[in-house]
């Protein structure tokens, strides 16, 4: 029973910290563009890299 006196305030503090972190990230623009990086990999340059000079010796 005495453990509840410690666990309940700690859990509510943890919830408020998690909410604060979420809103801080949201205000900082963390979730602005979720599709851009995923689509950028599909539009990369498909041309092959130039071949270097090979020495056949």
N, C-alpha and C. Protein backbone atom coordinates (compact mmCIF):
# COMPACT_ATOMS: atom_id res chain seq x y z
N UNK A 1 0.82 -1.20 0.00
CA UNK A 1 0.00 0.00 0.00
C UNK A 1 0.87 1.26 0.00
N UNK A 2 1.97 1.20 0.73
CA UNK A 2 2.84 2.37 0.79
C UNK A 2 3.51 2.64 -0.55
N UNK A 3 3.66 1.60 -1.35
CA UNK A 3 4.29 1.78 -2.66
C UNK A 3 3.43 2.64 -3.57
N UNK A 4 2.12 2.60 -3.39
CA UNK A 4 1.23 3.42 -4.21
C UNK A 4 1.45 4.90 -3.97
N UNK A 5 1.85 5.28 -2.76
CA UNK A 5 2.12 6.68 -2.46
C UNK A 5 3.31 7.20 -3.27
N UNK A 6 4.16 6.32 -3.69
CA UNK A 6 5.30 6.69 -4.52
C UNK A 6 5.00 6.50 -6.00
N UNK A 7 4.33 5.41 -6.36
CA UNK A 7 4.14 5.08 -7.76
C UNK A 7 3.13 5.97 -8.47
N UNK A 8 2.08 6.38 -7.78
CA UNK A 8 1.06 7.22 -8.43
C UNK A 8 1.62 8.60 -8.79
N UNK A 9 2.30 9.29 -7.88
CA UNK A 9 2.90 10.58 -8.31
C UNK A 9 3.97 10.41 -9.38
N UNK A 10 4.76 9.35 -9.32
CA UNK A 10 5.77 9.14 -10.34
C UNK A 10 5.15 8.86 -11.70
N UNK A 11 4.08 8.10 -11.73
CA UNK A 11 3.43 7.80 -13.02
C UNK A 11 2.76 9.05 -13.60
N UNK A 12 2.13 9.86 -12.77
CA UNK A 12 1.54 11.10 -13.30
C UNK A 12 2.63 12.06 -13.78
N UNK A 13 3.75 12.11 -13.08
CA UNK A 13 4.86 12.94 -13.52
C UNK A 13 5.40 12.43 -14.85
N UNK A 14 5.51 11.13 -15.01
CA UNK A 14 5.98 10.55 -16.26
C UNK A 14 5.02 10.86 -17.41
N UNK A 15 3.74 10.82 -17.17
CA UNK A 15 2.76 11.15 -18.21
C UNK A 15 2.88 12.62 -18.62
N UNK A 16 3.03 13.51 -17.65
CA UNK A 16 3.17 14.93 -17.98
C UNK A 16 4.47 15.21 -18.71
N UNK A 17 5.53 14.52 -18.37
CA UNK A 17 6.80 14.69 -19.09
C UNK A 17 6.66 14.18 -20.52
N UNK A 18 5.99 13.07 -20.73
CA UNK A 18 5.79 12.54 -22.08
C UNK A 18 4.93 13.49 -22.92
N UNK A 19 3.90 14.07 -22.33
CA UNK A 19 3.06 15.03 -23.05
C UNK A 19 3.86 16.28 -23.38
N UNK A 20 4.70 16.73 -22.45
CA UNK A 20 5.54 17.91 -22.68
C UNK A 20 6.53 17.66 -23.82
N UNK A 21 7.14 16.48 -23.84
CA UNK A 21 8.09 16.14 -24.90
C UNK A 21 7.38 16.08 -26.25
N UNK A 22 6.18 15.52 -26.28
CA UNK A 22 5.43 15.45 -27.53
C UNK A 22 5.10 16.84 -28.05
N UNK A 23 4.59 17.72 -27.20
CA UNK A 23 4.24 19.06 -27.65
C UNK A 23 5.47 19.87 -28.00
N UNK A 24 6.56 19.65 -27.33
CA UNK A 24 7.81 20.35 -27.65
C UNK A 24 8.30 19.93 -29.05
N UNK A 25 8.22 18.64 -29.33
CA UNK A 25 8.62 18.16 -30.66
C UNK A 25 7.65 18.64 -31.73
N UNK A 26 6.39 18.70 -31.40
CA UNK A 26 5.40 19.16 -32.36
C UNK A 26 5.59 20.65 -32.67
N UNK A 27 5.87 21.45 -31.66
CA UNK A 27 6.11 22.87 -31.88
C UNK A 27 7.42 23.12 -32.62
N UNK A 28 8.37 22.22 -32.46
CA UNK A 28 9.66 22.37 -33.12
C UNK A 28 9.65 21.94 -34.57
N UNK A 29 8.54 21.42 -35.07
CA UNK A 29 8.45 21.03 -36.46
C UNK A 29 8.88 19.61 -36.74
N UNK A 30 8.94 18.79 -35.73
CA UNK A 30 9.39 17.41 -35.91
C UNK A 30 8.45 16.61 -36.81
N UNK A 31 7.17 16.92 -36.77
CA UNK A 31 6.17 16.13 -37.49
C UNK A 31 5.60 16.89 -38.70
N UNK A 32 6.31 17.88 -39.21
CA UNK A 32 5.78 18.68 -40.31
C UNK A 32 5.72 17.90 -41.62
N UNK A 33 6.80 17.24 -41.99
CA UNK A 33 6.85 16.55 -43.28
C UNK A 33 7.18 15.09 -43.05
N UNK A 34 6.16 14.26 -42.98
CA UNK A 34 6.37 12.84 -42.74
C UNK A 34 6.57 12.05 -44.03
N UNK A 35 6.08 12.57 -45.16
CA UNK A 35 6.16 11.84 -46.42
C UNK A 35 7.37 12.24 -47.26
N UNK A 36 7.94 13.38 -47.03
CA UNK A 36 9.04 13.87 -47.85
C UNK A 36 10.25 12.95 -47.86
N UNK A 37 10.81 12.58 -46.71
CA UNK A 37 11.98 11.71 -46.73
C UNK A 37 11.68 10.33 -47.32
N UNK A 38 10.47 9.84 -47.15
CA UNK A 38 10.13 8.53 -47.70
C UNK A 38 10.01 8.59 -49.22
N UNK A 39 9.54 9.69 -49.76
CA UNK A 39 9.40 9.82 -51.21
C UNK A 39 10.72 10.23 -51.86
N UNK A 40 11.61 10.86 -51.13
CA UNK A 40 12.86 11.33 -51.70
C UNK A 40 13.73 10.17 -52.17
N UNK A 41 13.66 9.04 -51.51
CA UNK A 41 14.46 7.88 -51.92
C UNK A 41 13.98 7.33 -53.26
N UNK A 42 12.71 7.54 -53.60
CA UNK A 42 12.18 7.05 -54.86
C UNK A 42 12.59 7.92 -56.04
N UNK A 43 13.00 9.16 -55.78
CA UNK A 43 13.34 10.10 -56.84
C UNK A 43 14.84 10.32 -56.93
N UNK A 44 15.63 9.36 -56.53
CA UNK A 44 17.07 9.55 -56.61
C UNK A 44 17.54 9.38 -58.06
N UNK A 45 18.76 9.73 -58.29
CA UNK A 45 19.33 9.68 -59.64
C UNK A 45 19.67 8.23 -59.99
N UNK A 46 19.08 7.74 -61.07
CA UNK A 46 19.29 6.34 -61.46
C UNK A 46 20.42 6.15 -62.45
N UNK A 47 21.12 7.22 -62.79
CA UNK A 47 22.23 7.07 -63.74
C UNK A 47 23.41 6.42 -63.02
N UNK A 48 24.11 5.53 -63.73
CA UNK A 48 25.24 4.86 -63.08
C UNK A 48 26.40 5.81 -62.86
N UNK A 49 27.18 5.53 -61.87
CA UNK A 49 28.35 6.34 -61.58
C UNK A 49 29.38 6.15 -62.67
N UNK A 50 30.17 7.17 -62.99
CA UNK A 50 31.19 7.01 -64.02
C UNK A 50 32.23 5.97 -63.60
N UNK A 51 32.61 5.15 -64.57
CA UNK A 51 33.58 4.10 -64.31
C UNK A 51 34.97 4.70 -64.21
N UNK A 52 35.70 4.25 -63.23
CA UNK A 52 37.08 4.68 -63.08
C UNK A 52 37.97 3.96 -64.07
N UNK A 53 39.17 4.44 -64.22
CA UNK A 53 40.11 3.81 -65.14
C UNK A 53 40.72 2.60 -64.48
N UNK A 54 40.57 1.45 -65.12
CA UNK A 54 41.08 0.20 -64.57
C UNK A 54 42.43 -0.12 -65.21
N UNK A 55 43.36 -0.53 -64.41
CA UNK A 55 44.68 -0.95 -64.91
C UNK A 55 44.69 -2.46 -65.02
N UNK A 56 44.75 -3.05 -66.21
CA UNK A 56 44.62 -4.50 -66.35
C UNK A 56 45.85 -5.30 -65.91
N UNK A 57 46.86 -4.68 -65.40
CA UNK A 57 48.07 -5.44 -65.03
C UNK A 57 47.92 -6.20 -63.79
